[in-house]
Amino acid sequence: MTNYSIKNADIASGDSIRSRGSLSVHGSTLTQDRLPGPTFDLGGASIVYPALINIHDHFRGNYLPRVGPKDDRFYLNWAPWDADLKSSPVFEERSNINVEQMYFLSSYKNMFSGVATANDHFPHEINGDYLPRLPIRVIEEYCLSHECSSFDLHWGEGIEIEHARALANNWPHITHLEEGFDPESQDGIGILERLNCLDDHDVFIHCIGFSDEDIKKTAKAGASISWCPASNYFMFNVTCKIRKILKAGINVAIGTDSTATGSPNLLAEMKFARKTYRELYGEELPAKALFSMVTVNPARAFRMADRIGALEPGMKADILVLRASNDDPYENLAACSMEDIEFLSVDGVPVLADKRFEELIPRDVAYEEVTVGGRPMLVRGTPATLYRSIRTAVGFKKRLDYLPFDC
C-alpha cells in the first residue's frame, strides 16, 4: 500500500482554500494522519485541486475534426447531425480505428486535461467490456436513456425501467433532454413528468430548449444539468439559459460532449463556458463557480459526493497539481492548459506525473514517458504507442488536439 504526502501548496477543496497546506495519501484514500512515506514539498510553486470530473462525454466519438452543419444552417435537433456525421469523410476515417482504441484515446483526452472521473454516455452493453480497463475512472454506477423523445437511439430498457433502477441503486439517471427545438424535443420535461420520472436522480444534458417553466420544474425536482456550451453553439448556435438556470439554484456541471461537436477537452470547455457567459450577459462567470462545475457539482450529480470532488479525509485520493501561474487558485484553474499539469492521481496512483514523482510509479503497471511542454511526463498506459497505431491505421500523421505530445 502506497503512503505519501504533499505539502507547502495552496489546496482548493469545496468552498475553502488551505494556504500552504498539506495532504496525505494512504492507499486509495486521503487521510489526516501523517504516515511513513515520501513527502513532496511543492515550495509554494504549485496549487493542488481535486482531480476534475467530466460529467458528459461519448468515448466512442472523440475523433477530430468536428462534423457539423453546412453553410451555417444549424440543426433543429440532434438527429440530422447524426446523419451528417455518419455520411462524413471523418466518420469513414474513424472507422479504421477499433472500439478499444477509441476508448483508450478518450481516456487520454480526459487524463491530459486533469480529469480522473468521467461518464461515457453509452449503455452498459456497449461499454461494459472497456471501462474497467481504462487508466482513469469512468463510472459504471449509472442508468441512462439516450433522449426523452420518440427519435432517441433506444439505449437502455426505457425511461421508466432505467429510472426505477436508478432509484433502487441510488444511481443517477442520465439523459439528453430538450436538445433541439421541434415540439417533441421541447416537451422533454413534460414526458418525464407524465412518466413520474422527474426527480433528484436525473441528470439532464444540454437543455437548450428549456422554457422558464422547465427551469422551475427542474429546480423543484432537484435534478442536475450538464452544460456543454461548445457543442451547443457548434450544432445549434445557442446554448441553454444558463444564467437563469444558475439563479434557480440548479446543480450545474460542465461536460465536454465528444470532440465530434464539443471542445477538445474539459480545460478548453471551461474557457469556452466563461467566454460564452461573458458574451451573453456582459458579466463574468466567477472562477470559483467554474471550479465547482468540474469538481463538487458533478460529484453531487453522480451521487458520489462522499467519495470524489473534494480533498477531505476518507475520500478518494484523486489529486490534481497545477503549476501556479496566478495567485488566485480558482483563476489559476480557469486559465490553465494541459502543459500546466504536474501531477494527476486516481485512487492515489499517479496516472500523469512529472519525474519528481517517479518513486510513486508502480513497477507492475505499464507507463510511458512523453514530453509535454518541454517536460518529460510519465503516463499510465501506452499513449504514445496508441498514437502511433492510430496514425498507422489511418495512413497519415493524424493530429489529435487533446494529446499534447508528438511521437
Protein backbone atom coordinates (compact mmCIF):
# COMPACT_ATOMS: atom_id res chain seq x y z
CA MET A 1 0.00 0.00 0.00
CA THR A 2 1.36 3.39 -1.01
CA ASN A 3 1.66 6.23 1.50
CA TYR A 4 2.83 9.70 0.56
CA SER A 5 2.28 13.35 1.37
CA ILE A 6 2.22 16.65 -0.50
CA LYS A 7 2.98 19.85 1.38
CA ASN A 8 3.64 23.57 1.03
CA ALA A 9 0.95 24.31 -1.56
CA ASP A 10 -2.38 26.09 -1.61
CA ILE A 11 -5.12 23.44 -1.62
CA ALA A 12 -8.54 24.20 -3.13
CA SER A 13 -11.29 21.89 -1.89
CA GLY A 14 -15.02 22.51 -1.68
CA ASP A 15 -15.61 26.08 -0.52
CA SER A 16 -12.22 26.56 1.09
CA ILE A 17 -8.59 27.20 0.24
CA ARG A 18 -5.96 25.95 2.64
CA SER A 19 -2.96 28.22 2.25
CA ARG A 20 0.40 26.46 2.20
CA GLY A 21 -1.37 23.30 3.32
CA SER A 22 -0.58 19.62 3.11
CA LEU A 23 -2.41 16.38 2.42
CA SER A 24 -1.57 12.73 2.97
CA VAL A 25 -2.49 9.63 0.99
CA HIS A 26 -2.97 6.17 2.48
CA GLY A 27 -3.52 3.66 -0.31
CA SER A 28 -6.50 4.85 -2.36
CA THR A 29 -7.82 7.42 0.12
CA LEU A 30 -6.89 10.68 1.78
CA THR A 31 -6.06 10.64 5.47
CA GLN A 32 -5.46 13.23 8.17
CA ASP A 33 -2.79 11.01 9.68
CA ARG A 34 0.90 11.56 8.95
CA LEU A 35 2.18 8.21 7.73
CA PRO A 36 5.63 6.93 6.75
CA GLY A 37 6.41 7.51 3.10
CA PRO A 38 7.79 10.14 0.73
CA THR A 39 6.83 13.79 1.14
CA PHE A 40 6.81 16.12 -1.84
CA ASP A 41 7.45 19.77 -0.97
CA LEU A 42 5.90 21.89 -3.72
CA GLY A 43 7.56 25.05 -2.42
CA GLY A 44 4.52 27.25 -2.99
CA ALA A 45 5.03 27.00 -6.76
CA SER A 46 2.05 24.72 -7.38
CA ILE A 47 -1.64 24.56 -6.45
CA VAL A 48 -3.48 21.38 -5.50
CA TYR A 49 -7.07 20.60 -6.53
CA PRO A 50 -9.45 17.66 -6.51
CA ALA A 51 -8.97 15.87 -9.81
CA LEU A 52 -11.55 17.13 -12.28
CA ILE A 53 -14.80 15.40 -13.27
CA ASN A 54 -16.22 15.40 -16.79
CA ILE A 55 -19.95 14.89 -16.41
CA HIS A 56 -20.66 14.18 -20.09
CA ASP A 57 -18.62 12.55 -22.84
CA HIS A 58 -19.10 9.97 -25.59
CA PHE A 59 -15.97 7.83 -25.57
CA ARG A 60 -16.64 6.33 -29.00
CA GLY A 61 -16.88 9.80 -30.54
CA ASN A 62 -13.64 11.54 -29.57
CA TYR A 63 -12.18 11.97 -33.02
CA LEU A 64 -11.33 15.10 -35.00
CA PRO A 65 -12.15 17.26 -36.87
CA ARG A 66 -15.66 18.14 -35.78
CA VAL A 67 -18.63 17.45 -38.03
CA GLY A 68 -21.44 19.96 -38.04
CA PRO A 69 -23.94 21.99 -40.04
CA LYS A 70 -23.12 23.18 -43.53
CA ASP A 71 -23.34 26.84 -44.54
CA ASP A 72 -24.44 27.89 -41.04
CA ARG A 73 -27.72 26.00 -41.38
CA PHE A 74 -27.95 24.93 -37.78
CA TYR A 75 -29.85 21.85 -36.69
CA LEU A 76 -33.40 21.60 -35.39
CA ASN A 77 -32.44 18.63 -33.20
CA TRP A 78 -29.62 16.11 -32.88
CA ALA A 79 -30.96 13.58 -35.45
CA PRO A 80 -29.85 15.35 -38.67
CA TRP A 81 -26.42 15.87 -37.14
CA ASP A 82 -26.15 12.13 -36.61
CA ALA A 83 -26.94 11.58 -40.30
CA ASP A 84 -24.32 14.14 -41.33
CA LEU A 85 -21.73 12.50 -39.09
CA LYS A 86 -22.29 9.01 -40.45
CA SER A 87 -22.04 10.19 -44.05
CA SER A 88 -18.89 12.25 -43.48
CA PRO A 89 -15.28 11.53 -44.52
CA VAL A 90 -14.32 11.94 -40.86
CA PHE A 91 -16.59 9.05 -39.88
CA GLU A 92 -15.15 6.93 -42.68
CA GLU A 93 -11.63 7.72 -41.48
CA ARG A 94 -12.57 6.96 -37.89
CA SER A 95 -13.86 3.54 -38.95
CA ASN A 96 -10.23 2.46 -39.38
CA ILE A 97 -9.86 2.65 -35.59
CA ASN A 98 -11.35 -0.09 -33.45
CA VAL A 99 -13.63 0.48 -30.47
CA GLU A 100 -10.97 -0.40 -27.92
CA GLN A 101 -8.60 2.17 -29.39
CA MET A 102 -11.32 4.82 -29.23
CA TYR A 103 -11.95 4.10 -25.55
CA PHE A 104 -8.30 4.43 -24.65
CA LEU A 105 -7.94 7.58 -26.78
CA SER A 106 -10.88 9.07 -24.91
CA SER A 107 -9.40 8.22 -21.54
CA TYR A 108 -6.22 10.09 -22.54
CA LYS A 109 -8.29 13.01 -23.82
CA ASN A 110 -9.66 13.32 -20.31
CA MET A 111 -6.47 12.48 -18.44
CA PHE A 112 -4.39 15.16 -20.17
CA SER A 113 -6.94 17.76 -19.03
CA GLY A 114 -6.74 16.77 -15.36
CA VAL A 115 -9.83 14.54 -15.32
CA ALA A 116 -9.88 11.50 -13.05
CA THR A 117 -13.60 10.70 -13.36
CA ALA A 118 -15.88 10.85 -16.41
CA ASN A 119 -19.17 9.49 -17.70
CA ASP A 120 -19.37 7.76 -21.06
CA HIS A 121 -22.91 8.27 -22.28
CA PHE A 122 -23.40 4.84 -23.78
CA PRO A 123 -25.32 1.85 -22.41
CA HIS A 124 -23.53 -0.78 -20.36
CA GLU A 125 -23.83 -3.44 -23.04
CA ILE A 126 -21.69 -1.24 -25.32
CA ASN A 127 -19.01 0.00 -22.91
CA GLY A 128 -19.02 -2.60 -20.15
CA ASP A 129 -16.03 -4.53 -21.50
CA TYR A 130 -13.84 -1.42 -21.72
CA LEU A 131 -14.48 0.82 -18.72
CA PRO A 132 -12.77 -1.31 -16.03
CA ARG A 133 -9.57 -1.43 -18.09
CA LEU A 134 -9.11 2.30 -18.64
CA PRO A 135 -6.44 4.33 -16.81
CA ILE A 136 -8.98 6.80 -15.38
CA ARG A 137 -12.27 6.18 -13.57
CA VAL A 138 -15.18 6.06 -15.99
CA ILE A 139 -18.22 5.49 -13.84
CA GLU A 140 -20.22 2.30 -14.14
CA GLU A 141 -22.82 3.25 -11.50
CA TYR A 142 -25.47 4.93 -13.67
CA CYS A 143 -28.65 4.31 -15.61
CA LEU A 144 -29.42 6.10 -18.82
CA SER A 145 -31.87 6.91 -21.54
CA HIS A 146 -30.40 8.31 -24.73
CA GLU A 147 -33.05 11.02 -25.18
CA CYS A 148 -36.52 11.65 -23.81
CA SER A 149 -38.26 11.58 -27.20
CA SER A 150 -39.51 9.05 -29.75
CA PHE A 151 -36.48 9.52 -32.04
CA ASP A 152 -33.87 8.51 -29.49
CA LEU A 153 -31.47 5.62 -30.03
CA HIS A 154 -33.33 3.30 -27.61
CA TRP A 155 -30.37 2.87 -25.30
CA GLY A 156 -31.25 1.14 -22.09
CA GLU A 157 -34.58 -0.53 -21.37
CA GLY A 158 -36.78 2.54 -21.49
CA ILE A 159 -37.11 5.65 -19.36
CA GLU A 160 -39.36 4.14 -16.65
CA ILE A 161 -37.27 1.00 -16.17
CA GLU A 162 -33.96 2.85 -16.21
CA HIS A 163 -35.25 5.49 -13.80
CA ALA A 164 -36.64 2.88 -11.40
CA ARG A 165 -33.30 1.06 -11.47
CA ALA A 166 -31.51 4.33 -10.70
CA LEU A 167 -33.72 4.85 -7.64
CA ALA A 168 -33.21 1.28 -6.45
CA ASN A 169 -29.40 1.57 -6.70
CA ASN A 170 -29.11 5.24 -5.68
CA TRP A 171 -27.51 5.98 -9.05
CA PRO A 172 -28.06 8.89 -11.43
CA HIS A 173 -30.45 8.56 -14.35
CA ILE A 174 -28.71 10.38 -17.20
CA THR A 175 -30.37 11.55 -20.41
CA HIS A 176 -30.08 14.11 -23.17
CA LEU A 177 -33.02 16.46 -22.68
CA GLU A 178 -34.53 19.12 -24.93
CA GLU A 179 -31.55 19.03 -27.29
CA GLY A 180 -33.48 20.76 -30.04
CA PHE A 181 -36.43 22.95 -30.92
CA ASP A 182 -39.03 20.71 -32.54
CA PRO A 183 -42.22 20.30 -30.44
CA GLU A 184 -41.34 16.84 -29.15
CA SER A 185 -37.82 17.78 -28.10
CA GLN A 186 -39.18 20.76 -26.21
CA ASP A 187 -41.57 18.52 -24.29
CA GLY A 188 -38.76 16.66 -22.51
CA ILE A 189 -39.73 17.80 -19.01
CA GLY A 190 -43.38 17.04 -19.80
CA ILE A 191 -42.50 13.49 -20.88
CA LEU A 192 -40.65 12.86 -17.63
CA GLU A 193 -43.48 14.37 -15.57
CA ARG A 194 -46.10 12.15 -17.21
CA LEU A 195 -43.92 9.09 -16.53
CA ASN A 196 -43.34 10.15 -12.89
CA CYS A 197 -39.60 10.17 -13.60
CA LEU A 198 -38.71 13.77 -12.74
CA ASP A 199 -36.68 13.94 -9.53
CA ASP A 200 -33.26 14.48 -7.99
CA HIS A 201 -31.77 11.35 -9.56
CA ASP A 202 -31.99 12.92 -13.01
CA VAL A 203 -29.01 14.39 -14.82
CA PHE A 204 -30.10 16.35 -17.90
CA ILE A 205 -27.66 17.00 -20.74
CA HIS A 206 -27.86 20.18 -22.89
CA CYS A 207 -31.38 21.54 -22.09
CA ILE A 208 -31.13 24.16 -24.85
CA GLY A 209 -34.90 24.05 -25.40
CA PHE A 210 -35.77 24.76 -21.76
CA SER A 211 -38.51 27.26 -21.09
CA ASP A 212 -38.64 29.27 -17.88
CA GLU A 213 -41.25 26.80 -16.63
CA ASP A 214 -38.92 23.88 -17.39
CA ILE A 215 -36.23 25.58 -15.32
CA LYS A 216 -38.63 25.99 -12.38
CA LYS A 217 -39.69 22.34 -12.55
CA THR A 218 -36.11 21.12 -12.77
CA ALA A 219 -35.14 23.22 -9.75
CA LYS A 220 -38.12 21.98 -7.75
CA ALA A 221 -37.27 18.36 -8.62
CA GLY A 222 -33.65 18.80 -7.57
CA ALA A 223 -32.31 17.45 -10.89
CA SER A 224 -28.85 18.36 -12.21
CA ILE A 225 -27.84 19.80 -15.59
CA SER A 226 -24.79 19.13 -17.74
CA TRP A 227 -23.83 22.31 -19.61
CA CYS A 228 -21.92 21.69 -22.87
CA PRO A 229 -21.78 25.16 -24.49
CA ALA A 230 -19.21 24.46 -27.21
CA SER A 231 -21.22 21.58 -28.64
CA ASN A 232 -24.45 23.57 -28.30
CA TYR A 233 -23.14 26.52 -30.28
CA PHE A 234 -21.49 24.36 -32.91
CA MET A 235 -24.69 22.43 -33.62
CA PHE A 236 -27.44 24.92 -32.76
CA ASN A 237 -25.87 28.40 -32.50
CA VAL A 238 -27.32 28.73 -28.99
CA THR A 239 -26.92 27.25 -25.54
CA CYS A 240 -29.23 26.84 -22.56
CA LYS A 241 -30.46 29.75 -20.42
CA ILE A 242 -27.50 29.25 -18.16
CA ARG A 243 -27.83 32.39 -16.03
CA LYS A 244 -31.48 31.65 -15.23
CA ILE A 245 -30.57 28.02 -14.53
CA LEU A 246 -27.87 29.05 -12.06
CA LYS A 247 -30.08 31.67 -10.41
CA ALA A 248 -32.75 28.99 -9.93
CA GLY A 249 -30.24 27.09 -7.75
CA ILE A 250 -29.94 24.10 -10.08
CA ASN A 251 -26.81 21.97 -9.69
CA VAL A 252 -24.81 22.59 -12.91
CA ALA A 253 -21.71 20.78 -14.11
CA ILE A 254 -19.67 21.32 -17.28
CA GLY A 255 -19.31 18.49 -19.78
CA THR A 256 -17.33 18.27 -22.97
CA ASP A 257 -19.64 16.16 -25.10
CA SER A 258 -17.48 14.32 -27.66
CA THR A 259 -14.92 16.12 -29.78
CA ALA A 260 -17.16 15.38 -32.77
CA THR A 261 -19.02 18.57 -31.77
CA GLY A 262 -17.52 19.85 -28.50
CA SER A 263 -14.24 21.23 -27.19
CA PRO A 264 -11.00 19.22 -27.38
CA ASN A 265 -11.11 18.66 -23.60
CA LEU A 266 -12.51 19.89 -20.30
CA LEU A 267 -9.98 22.71 -19.85
CA ALA A 268 -10.95 24.14 -23.24
CA GLU A 269 -14.65 23.70 -22.42
CA MET A 270 -14.23 25.69 -19.20
CA LYS A 271 -12.67 28.57 -21.12
CA PHE A 272 -15.43 28.45 -23.73
CA ALA A 273 -18.08 28.43 -20.99
CA ARG A 274 -16.63 31.53 -19.37
CA LYS A 275 -16.32 33.35 -22.71
CA THR A 276 -19.89 32.40 -23.60
CA TYR A 277 -21.26 33.67 -20.30
CA ARG A 278 -19.40 36.97 -20.69
CA GLU A 279 -20.70 37.49 -24.23
CA LEU A 280 -24.27 36.55 -23.35
CA TYR A 281 -24.66 38.59 -20.19
CA GLY A 282 -21.89 41.17 -20.10
CA GLU A 283 -20.64 39.87 -16.77
CA GLU A 284 -18.08 37.36 -15.57
CA LEU A 285 -18.87 33.82 -14.54
CA PRO A 286 -16.85 33.59 -11.31
CA ALA A 287 -13.84 31.30 -11.48
CA LYS A 288 -14.95 29.70 -8.23
CA ALA A 289 -18.25 28.73 -9.87
CA LEU A 290 -16.32 27.13 -12.73
CA PHE A 291 -14.23 25.20 -10.20
CA SER A 292 -17.41 23.85 -8.59
CA MET A 293 -18.81 22.87 -12.00
CA VAL A 294 -15.91 20.46 -12.59
CA THR A 295 -15.49 19.13 -9.03
CA VAL A 296 -18.18 19.07 -6.35
CA ASN A 297 -21.19 19.70 -8.64
CA PRO A 298 -20.67 16.69 -10.94
CA ALA A 299 -19.82 14.57 -7.89
CA ARG A 300 -23.20 15.55 -6.44
CA ALA A 301 -24.95 14.81 -9.76
CA PHE A 302 -23.35 11.34 -9.85
CA ARG A 303 -24.42 10.82 -6.21
CA MET A 304 -20.75 10.30 -5.36
CA ALA A 305 -20.03 13.46 -3.35
CA ASP A 306 -18.96 11.37 -0.36
CA ARG A 307 -16.13 9.89 -2.45
CA ILE A 308 -14.95 12.34 -5.13
CA GLY A 309 -14.92 16.05 -5.95
CA ALA A 310 -13.10 17.30 -2.83
CA LEU A 311 -9.89 16.66 -0.88
CA GLU A 312 -11.06 15.59 2.56
CA PRO A 313 -10.02 12.65 4.79
CA GLY A 314 -11.70 9.41 3.78
CA MET A 315 -12.34 10.49 0.21
CA LYS A 316 -10.71 9.07 -2.89
CA ALA A 317 -7.14 10.27 -3.39
CA ASP A 318 -7.89 11.87 -6.76
CA ILE A 319 -5.39 14.73 -6.83
CA LEU A 320 -4.55 17.33 -9.47
CA VAL A 321 -1.45 19.51 -9.12
CA LEU A 322 -1.10 22.53 -11.41
CA ARG A 323 1.73 24.98 -11.90
CA ALA A 324 0.83 28.21 -10.06
CA SER A 325 0.60 30.99 -12.63
CA ASN A 326 -2.00 33.03 -10.74
CA ASP A 327 -2.19 33.78 -7.00
CA ASP A 328 -5.94 33.05 -7.03
CA PRO A 329 -6.32 29.25 -7.16
CA TYR A 330 -9.69 29.46 -8.91
CA GLU A 331 -8.40 31.82 -11.59
CA ASN A 332 -5.33 29.61 -11.93
CA LEU A 333 -7.53 26.64 -12.80
CA ALA A 334 -9.74 28.65 -15.15
CA ALA A 335 -6.74 29.79 -17.21
CA CYS A 336 -4.58 26.66 -17.12
CA SER A 337 -3.57 24.47 -20.05
CA MET A 338 -2.53 20.84 -20.45
CA GLU A 339 1.10 21.95 -20.13
CA ASP A 340 0.45 23.22 -16.58
CA ILE A 341 -0.40 19.78 -15.16
CA GLU A 342 2.33 18.44 -12.89
CA PHE A 343 0.55 15.51 -11.24
CA LEU A 344 -2.73 13.63 -11.51
CA SER A 345 -3.75 10.60 -9.46
CA VAL A 346 -6.72 8.24 -9.46
CA ASP A 347 -7.27 6.33 -6.20
CA GLY A 348 -3.87 7.59 -5.04
CA VAL A 349 -2.00 6.11 -8.00
CA PRO A 350 -0.29 8.60 -10.35
CA VAL A 351 -1.66 8.40 -13.89
CA LEU A 352 0.16 11.53 -15.17
CA ALA A 353 3.19 12.90 -13.35
CA ASP A 354 6.39 14.78 -13.92
CA LYS A 355 9.55 12.91 -13.00
CA ARG A 356 9.97 14.30 -9.48
CA PHE A 357 7.10 11.94 -8.52
CA GLU A 358 8.76 8.93 -10.19
CA GLU A 359 9.17 6.94 -6.98
CA LEU A 360 5.38 6.65 -6.75
CA ILE A 361 5.06 4.91 -10.11
CA PRO A 362 4.03 1.25 -9.66
CA ARG A 363 6.54 -1.18 -11.11
CA ASP A 364 3.95 -3.77 -12.14
CA VAL A 365 1.91 -1.46 -14.41
CA ALA A 366 2.80 -0.12 -17.86
CA TYR A 367 3.80 3.56 -18.09
CA GLU A 368 5.24 5.54 -20.99
CA GLU A 369 7.26 8.72 -20.98
CA VAL A 370 6.13 11.57 -23.24
CA THR A 371 7.19 15.20 -23.48
CA VAL A 372 4.56 17.82 -22.67
CA GLY A 373 5.50 21.49 -22.90
CA GLY A 374 9.19 20.59 -22.89
CA ARG A 375 8.86 18.44 -19.72
CA PRO A 376 9.14 14.65 -19.56
CA MET A 377 5.92 13.19 -18.12
CA LEU A 378 5.15 9.65 -17.02
CA VAL A 379 1.75 8.44 -18.21
CA ARG A 380 -0.09 5.34 -17.11
CA GLY A 381 -0.67 3.03 -20.04
CA THR A 382 0.75 3.36 -23.53
CA PRO A 383 -0.46 6.66 -25.05
CA ALA A 384 2.48 7.11 -27.44
CA THR A 385 2.15 3.55 -28.72
CA LEU A 386 -1.58 4.11 -29.18
CA TYR A 387 -1.00 7.39 -31.04
CA ARG A 388 1.39 5.66 -33.43
CA SER A 389 -1.10 2.85 -34.02
CA ILE A 390 -3.83 5.39 -34.83
CA ARG A 391 -1.57 7.04 -37.39
CA THR A 392 -0.76 3.67 -38.92
CA ALA A 393 -4.45 2.77 -39.08
CA VAL A 394 -5.48 5.98 -40.90
CA GLY A 395 -2.37 6.09 -43.08
CA PHE A 396 -1.00 9.54 -42.22
CA LYS A 397 0.33 11.60 -39.31
CA LYS A 398 -3.01 12.36 -37.70
CA ARG A 399 -3.08 15.19 -35.18
CA LEU A 400 -5.44 14.98 -32.19
CA ASP A 401 -5.51 18.25 -30.28
CA TYR A 402 -6.27 16.61 -26.94
CA LEU A 403 -2.93 14.75 -26.97
CA PRO A 404 -0.28 17.37 -26.03
CA PHE A 405 2.72 15.42 -27.28
CA ASP A 406 4.11 14.00 -30.50
CA CYS A 407 5.63 10.63 -31.21
